[in-house]
Structures are given as C-alpha cells and as structure tokens.
Protein backbone atom coordinates (compact mmCIF):
# COMPACT_ATOMS: atom_id res chain seq x y z
CA MET A 1 0.18 -0.11 0.09
CA LYS A 2 1.28 3.39 -0.70
CA THR A 3 1.27 6.47 1.57
CA ILE A 4 -1.10 9.18 1.00
CA GLY A 5 0.29 12.26 1.41
CA LEU A 6 -2.77 15.19 2.40
CA LEU A 7 -2.16 18.71 2.42
CA GLY A 8 -5.37 19.92 4.62
CA GLY A 9 -6.81 22.32 7.07
CA MET A 10 -8.51 24.50 3.88
CA SER A 11 -11.00 24.07 5.92
CA TRP A 12 -10.29 21.10 8.47
CA GLU A 13 -14.04 20.27 8.54
CA SER A 14 -13.28 19.03 5.02
CA THR A 15 -10.25 17.56 5.76
CA ALA A 16 -11.68 15.72 8.00
CA LEU A 17 -13.82 14.38 5.44
CA TYR A 18 -10.88 13.36 3.55
CA TYR A 19 -9.58 11.14 6.36
CA LYS A 20 -12.67 9.77 6.89
CA GLN A 21 -13.57 8.72 3.86
CA ILE A 22 -10.20 7.60 2.67
CA ASN A 23 -9.83 5.14 5.67
CA GLU A 24 -13.90 3.92 4.92
CA GLU A 25 -12.93 3.17 1.64
CA VAL A 26 -9.36 1.17 2.41
CA LYS A 27 -11.71 -0.50 4.77
CA ASN A 28 -14.48 -1.49 2.19
CA LYS A 29 -11.80 -2.43 -0.07
CA LEU A 30 -9.48 -4.38 2.14
CA GLY A 31 -11.47 -5.60 5.12
CA SER A 32 -10.19 -6.76 8.54
CA LEU A 33 -8.75 -3.55 10.18
CA HIS A 34 -7.00 -2.34 7.48
CA SER A 35 -6.77 1.46 7.30
CA ALA A 36 -5.03 3.94 5.07
CA LYS A 37 -1.41 4.58 5.26
CA ILE A 38 -1.50 8.53 5.66
CA VAL A 39 1.13 11.69 6.05
CA MET A 40 -0.84 14.58 6.72
CA TYR A 41 0.21 18.45 7.03
CA SER A 42 -2.95 20.68 8.37
CA VAL A 43 -2.58 24.40 7.46
CA ASP A 44 -3.59 27.46 9.66
CA PHE A 45 -6.84 28.25 7.39
CA ASP A 46 -7.56 31.91 8.42
CA GLU A 47 -3.82 32.83 7.15
CA ILE A 48 -4.84 30.98 3.88
CA GLU A 49 -8.26 32.81 3.52
CA LYS A 50 -7.11 36.35 4.28
CA LEU A 51 -4.11 35.87 1.50
CA GLN A 52 -7.02 34.66 -0.75
CA HIS A 53 -9.36 37.42 -0.45
CA ASN A 54 -6.56 39.86 -0.53
CA GLY A 55 -5.26 38.34 -4.19
CA LYS A 56 -1.84 37.21 -2.54
CA TRP A 57 -1.64 33.58 -4.11
CA ASP A 58 1.84 33.81 -4.55
CA GLU A 59 2.23 34.11 -0.86
CA THR A 60 -0.66 31.21 -0.61
CA ALA A 61 1.60 28.86 -2.98
CA PHE A 62 4.97 29.59 -0.63
CA ILE A 63 3.14 28.26 2.39
CA LEU A 64 1.57 25.30 0.76
CA SER A 65 4.67 24.24 -1.27
CA GLU A 66 6.70 24.38 2.52
CA ALA A 67 3.56 21.89 3.77
CA ALA A 68 3.94 19.92 0.82
CA LYS A 69 7.66 19.53 1.14
CA ASN A 70 7.17 18.18 4.91
CA ILE A 71 4.74 15.86 3.43
CA GLU A 72 7.36 14.65 0.86
CA ASN A 73 10.17 14.20 3.50
CA ALA A 74 7.74 12.39 5.41
CA SER A 75 7.49 9.57 2.83
CA ALA A 76 4.02 10.36 1.31
CA ASP A 77 4.11 8.84 -2.49
CA PHE A 78 1.67 11.24 -3.95
CA LEU A 79 -0.07 14.30 -2.66
CA ILE A 80 -3.87 15.10 -2.20
CA ILE A 81 -4.39 18.92 -1.95
CA CYS A 82 -7.80 18.81 0.27
CA THR A 83 -9.57 21.72 -1.56
CA ASN A 84 -10.71 22.38 -4.95
CA THR A 85 -9.88 26.50 -4.87
CA MET A 86 -6.28 26.05 -3.68
CA HIS A 87 -5.63 23.83 -6.71
CA LYS A 88 -5.40 27.48 -8.50
CA VAL A 89 -1.44 27.28 -7.07
CA ALA A 90 -1.13 23.38 -7.99
CA PRO A 91 1.37 23.91 -10.77
CA GLN A 92 3.79 26.28 -8.30
CA ILE A 93 3.29 23.62 -5.38
CA GLN A 94 4.57 20.50 -8.02
CA GLU A 95 7.50 22.49 -9.11
CA ASN A 96 8.59 22.15 -5.22
CA ILE A 97 8.17 19.00 -4.89
CA ASN A 98 9.21 15.33 -6.87
CA ILE A 99 6.36 13.45 -5.91
CA PRO A 100 3.03 13.97 -8.01
CA ILE A 101 -0.07 15.88 -7.22
CA VAL A 102 -3.59 14.45 -7.93
CA HIS A 103 -5.31 17.03 -9.27
CA ILE A 104 -9.01 17.00 -8.08
CA ALA A 105 -10.58 18.50 -11.36
CA ASP A 106 -8.60 15.46 -13.22
CA ALA A 107 -10.66 13.06 -11.14
CA THR A 108 -13.86 14.40 -11.46
CA ALA A 109 -13.66 15.27 -15.26
CA LYS A 110 -12.58 11.37 -15.47
CA VAL A 111 -15.68 10.55 -13.99
CA LEU A 112 -17.84 13.00 -15.78
CA GLN A 113 -16.05 11.49 -19.04
CA LYS A 114 -17.12 7.63 -17.60
CA ASP A 115 -21.06 9.10 -17.49
CA ASN A 116 -20.74 10.64 -20.82
CA ILE A 117 -21.61 14.06 -19.36
CA LYS A 118 -21.15 16.93 -21.94
CA LYS A 119 -22.36 19.78 -20.34
CA VAL A 120 -22.01 20.26 -16.56
CA GLY A 121 -22.79 22.95 -13.78
CA LEU A 122 -19.97 23.94 -11.46
CA ILE A 123 -20.62 25.29 -7.60
CA ALA A 124 -17.77 26.26 -5.97
CA THR A 125 -15.88 29.11 -4.26
CA ALA A 126 -16.02 32.51 -6.26
CA PHE A 127 -12.42 31.98 -7.13
CA THR A 128 -12.88 28.39 -8.51
CA MET A 129 -16.07 29.81 -10.32
CA GLU A 130 -14.98 33.18 -11.66
CA GLU A 131 -11.24 32.07 -12.66
CA ASP A 132 -10.17 29.48 -15.11
CA PHE A 133 -7.79 27.50 -13.68
CA TYR A 134 -10.39 24.75 -12.73
CA LYS A 135 -12.99 25.28 -15.55
CA ASN A 136 -10.26 25.47 -18.44
CA ARG A 137 -8.88 22.35 -17.42
CA ILE A 138 -11.90 20.36 -17.46
CA ARG A 139 -12.94 21.89 -20.73
CA GLU A 140 -9.85 22.04 -22.70
CA ASN A 141 -8.03 18.16 -21.06
CA PHE A 142 -11.54 16.40 -21.46
CA GLY A 143 -13.89 18.18 -23.87
CA ILE A 144 -16.64 18.92 -21.23
CA GLU A 145 -18.61 22.57 -21.05
CA VAL A 146 -18.58 23.83 -17.69
CA VAL A 147 -21.52 26.11 -16.67
CA VAL A 148 -21.14 28.64 -13.89
CA PRO A 149 -24.18 30.66 -11.88
CA ASN A 150 -24.78 34.27 -12.37
CA GLU A 151 -23.07 37.07 -10.89
CA GLU A 152 -25.43 37.01 -7.67
CA ASP A 153 -25.62 33.79 -7.33
CA ILE A 154 -21.96 33.27 -7.00
CA LYS A 155 -22.07 35.86 -4.50
CA THR A 156 -24.45 33.68 -2.18
CA ILE A 157 -22.54 30.57 -2.60
CA HIS A 158 -19.15 31.92 -1.91
CA LYS A 159 -20.72 33.57 1.25
CA ILE A 160 -22.26 30.40 2.74
CA ILE A 161 -18.82 28.34 1.88
CA TYR A 162 -17.24 31.03 4.01
CA GLU A 163 -19.12 31.97 6.93
CA GLU A 164 -21.05 28.83 6.97
CA LEU A 165 -19.69 25.73 5.88
CA CYS A 166 -16.17 26.14 6.96
CA LEU A 167 -17.22 26.87 10.29
CA GLY A 168 -19.28 23.71 10.45
CA LEU A 169 -22.82 25.29 10.10
CA VAL A 170 -25.70 23.74 8.02
CA LYS A 171 -28.38 25.76 7.46
CA GLU A 172 -31.58 24.97 5.94
CA GLU A 173 -31.80 28.15 4.50
CA SER A 174 -29.03 28.11 2.88
CA LYS A 175 -29.31 24.45 1.54
CA LYS A 176 -32.76 26.02 -0.04
CA GLU A 177 -30.58 28.58 -1.71
CA TYR A 178 -28.03 26.49 -3.30
CA LEU A 179 -30.98 23.90 -4.34
CA ARG A 180 -32.68 27.16 -6.00
CA ILE A 181 -28.94 27.82 -8.14
CA ILE A 182 -29.02 24.16 -8.95
CA ASP A 183 -32.53 24.45 -10.55
CA LYS A 184 -31.53 27.31 -12.42
CA LEU A 185 -28.43 25.39 -13.89
CA VAL A 186 -30.42 22.16 -14.85
CA LYS A 187 -32.81 24.74 -16.71
CA SER A 188 -29.99 25.86 -18.46
CA GLY A 189 -29.29 22.47 -20.16
CA VAL A 190 -26.31 20.92 -17.95
CA GLU A 191 -26.67 17.09 -17.61
CA GLY A 192 -25.19 17.39 -13.66
CA ILE A 193 -23.53 19.77 -11.17
CA ILE A 194 -20.10 19.41 -9.70
CA LEU A 195 -19.81 20.28 -6.18
CA GLY A 196 -16.75 22.17 -6.58
CA CYS A 197 -15.88 23.14 -2.79
CA THR A 198 -14.72 20.04 -0.80
CA GLU A 199 -17.54 21.46 2.14
CA ILE A 200 -20.74 21.69 -0.23
CA CYS A 201 -21.22 17.96 0.51
CA MET A 202 -21.84 18.84 3.94
CA LEU A 203 -25.00 20.91 2.91
CA ILE A 204 -25.88 19.25 -0.33
CA SER A 205 -26.79 15.59 -1.03
CA PRO A 206 -28.13 13.02 -3.69
CA LYS A 207 -31.19 12.83 -1.59
CA ASP A 208 -31.95 16.49 -2.22
CA THR A 209 -32.26 17.27 -6.22
CA PRO A 210 -32.75 14.79 -8.91
CA VAL A 211 -29.92 15.95 -10.91
CA LYS A 212 -26.70 13.69 -10.91
CA LEU A 213 -24.32 15.38 -8.41
CA TYR A 214 -20.30 15.01 -8.79
CA ASN A 215 -19.06 15.02 -4.90
CA THR A 216 -15.74 15.99 -5.65
CA THR A 217 -14.63 15.22 -1.91
CA GLU A 218 -15.46 11.67 -2.34
CA ILE A 219 -14.04 11.42 -6.20
CA HIS A 220 -10.88 12.39 -4.64
CA THR A 221 -10.65 10.10 -1.80
CA ASN A 222 -11.92 7.27 -4.12
CA GLU A 223 -8.93 8.34 -6.56
CA ALA A 224 -6.43 8.52 -3.66
CA VAL A 225 -7.72 5.12 -2.10
CA ASN A 226 -7.38 3.57 -5.91
CA LEU A 227 -3.50 5.18 -6.31
CA ALA A 228 -2.39 3.86 -2.77
CA LEU A 229 -3.87 0.14 -3.60
CA ALA A 230 -2.94 0.05 -7.27
C-alpha cells in the first residue's frame, strides 16, 4: 500500500471528511482492520483565507509548497490537496516537490467522462467559478462544457461557504438557496452538477435533488485510495 499525502486544513471540516472517507474506502476494499497509510499536514486556514481574499496567491503558494515539502519528506508517495480552490496554485506546488499531485479537477472530469456528461454545472467558491484554472482544465483536457451561475448567485454560494460551511454551520435556508441555484443551472441544460468545494457535501446530498451530483471530496478520496492500492 502506498502512503497518501494529505495537504489539509482548508478548511479542517472538509479535511476531516477526507481522512474519514479514505480510511472507510480502504476498509471497504481490504476488510478486516485495514486502514490507509497517510501523512497529513494541516495549515491554519485563517492565514490562507486572508491571503486569498487579498489576491496574494503567490504567498499562499509558498505556504502550501513548504507544507508539501514536509509531506514529501515524511515519505508520502503522492499528494492530495484537500480543497478545490487551492488547486489554483497546484502548478507552483508541483514545481517544489518530486511526488505527483493528484489533481481534483482531473479526477472529477474522468468520472464525468465515464458518465458521458458533455455539459456540467459548477458550484464552488467565487475563485473557482470565476477564474479559469479549474474550468479550463476540464474544458480543454476533457472536452466538457462547464457552466457557472450568474454573478449574484456566485456571491451567495461563496458567502455560505466561507461564513457557514467552513465554520461547520449547516443551515436549512442555505440549502434552499443552493437548490434554487442548482435548479437554474439544470434549466440551462446541464446534465450534472459539480460540487466544486469540498465543504458543499456537508449541505447538499443526492437525496436533495434529482440531478446527478458530483461530490469532489468523494471522487478525490476514491482516486487516492485507488492509487494507494494499485
């Protein structure tokens, strides 16, 4: 079994899901008392969040690269960044380490391709929805059209992520807002919805909507386990 490197803390709420789901999947596949071999480095999200919202992405890249080096030095075989948004600086992190990064957008797009999805909706942080580092990777490398909500709905989604979900708060009124936005995307012709922030699965689940949901936390953890056990 290979050792999985987890770069987490963004937020710790979703990183806890990563740790739990990876170990559950290893147990499902191997049985008995098996669990995953994991090296984890968890950063202080308050520091990262302030840099994000001030546009200081190079500084976030430096912090995460130093953390990734520590993970590599602790003998991890590959790296999982436990957040969608910070894949914005994945290229800079990769330049500083020798172990591969398992990119969350690639893992997600492979599942979309398997399901023959040609047009997908994306709900995530404003950074992930508005910028091209995530959408273009899926469009250009996998040929899948990615649709995002309008400007006002992007603000709503972003606010709920940072002011509620990252703090572990799950509110019924926020779920209704997300479902309203998802319904608008479905009416625009999307065939599925990427839950493109690793906290969103705390709020929305497949039982809440008939449209196919692509939970990036689950997809990413499954990809990590498959690689670890390959």
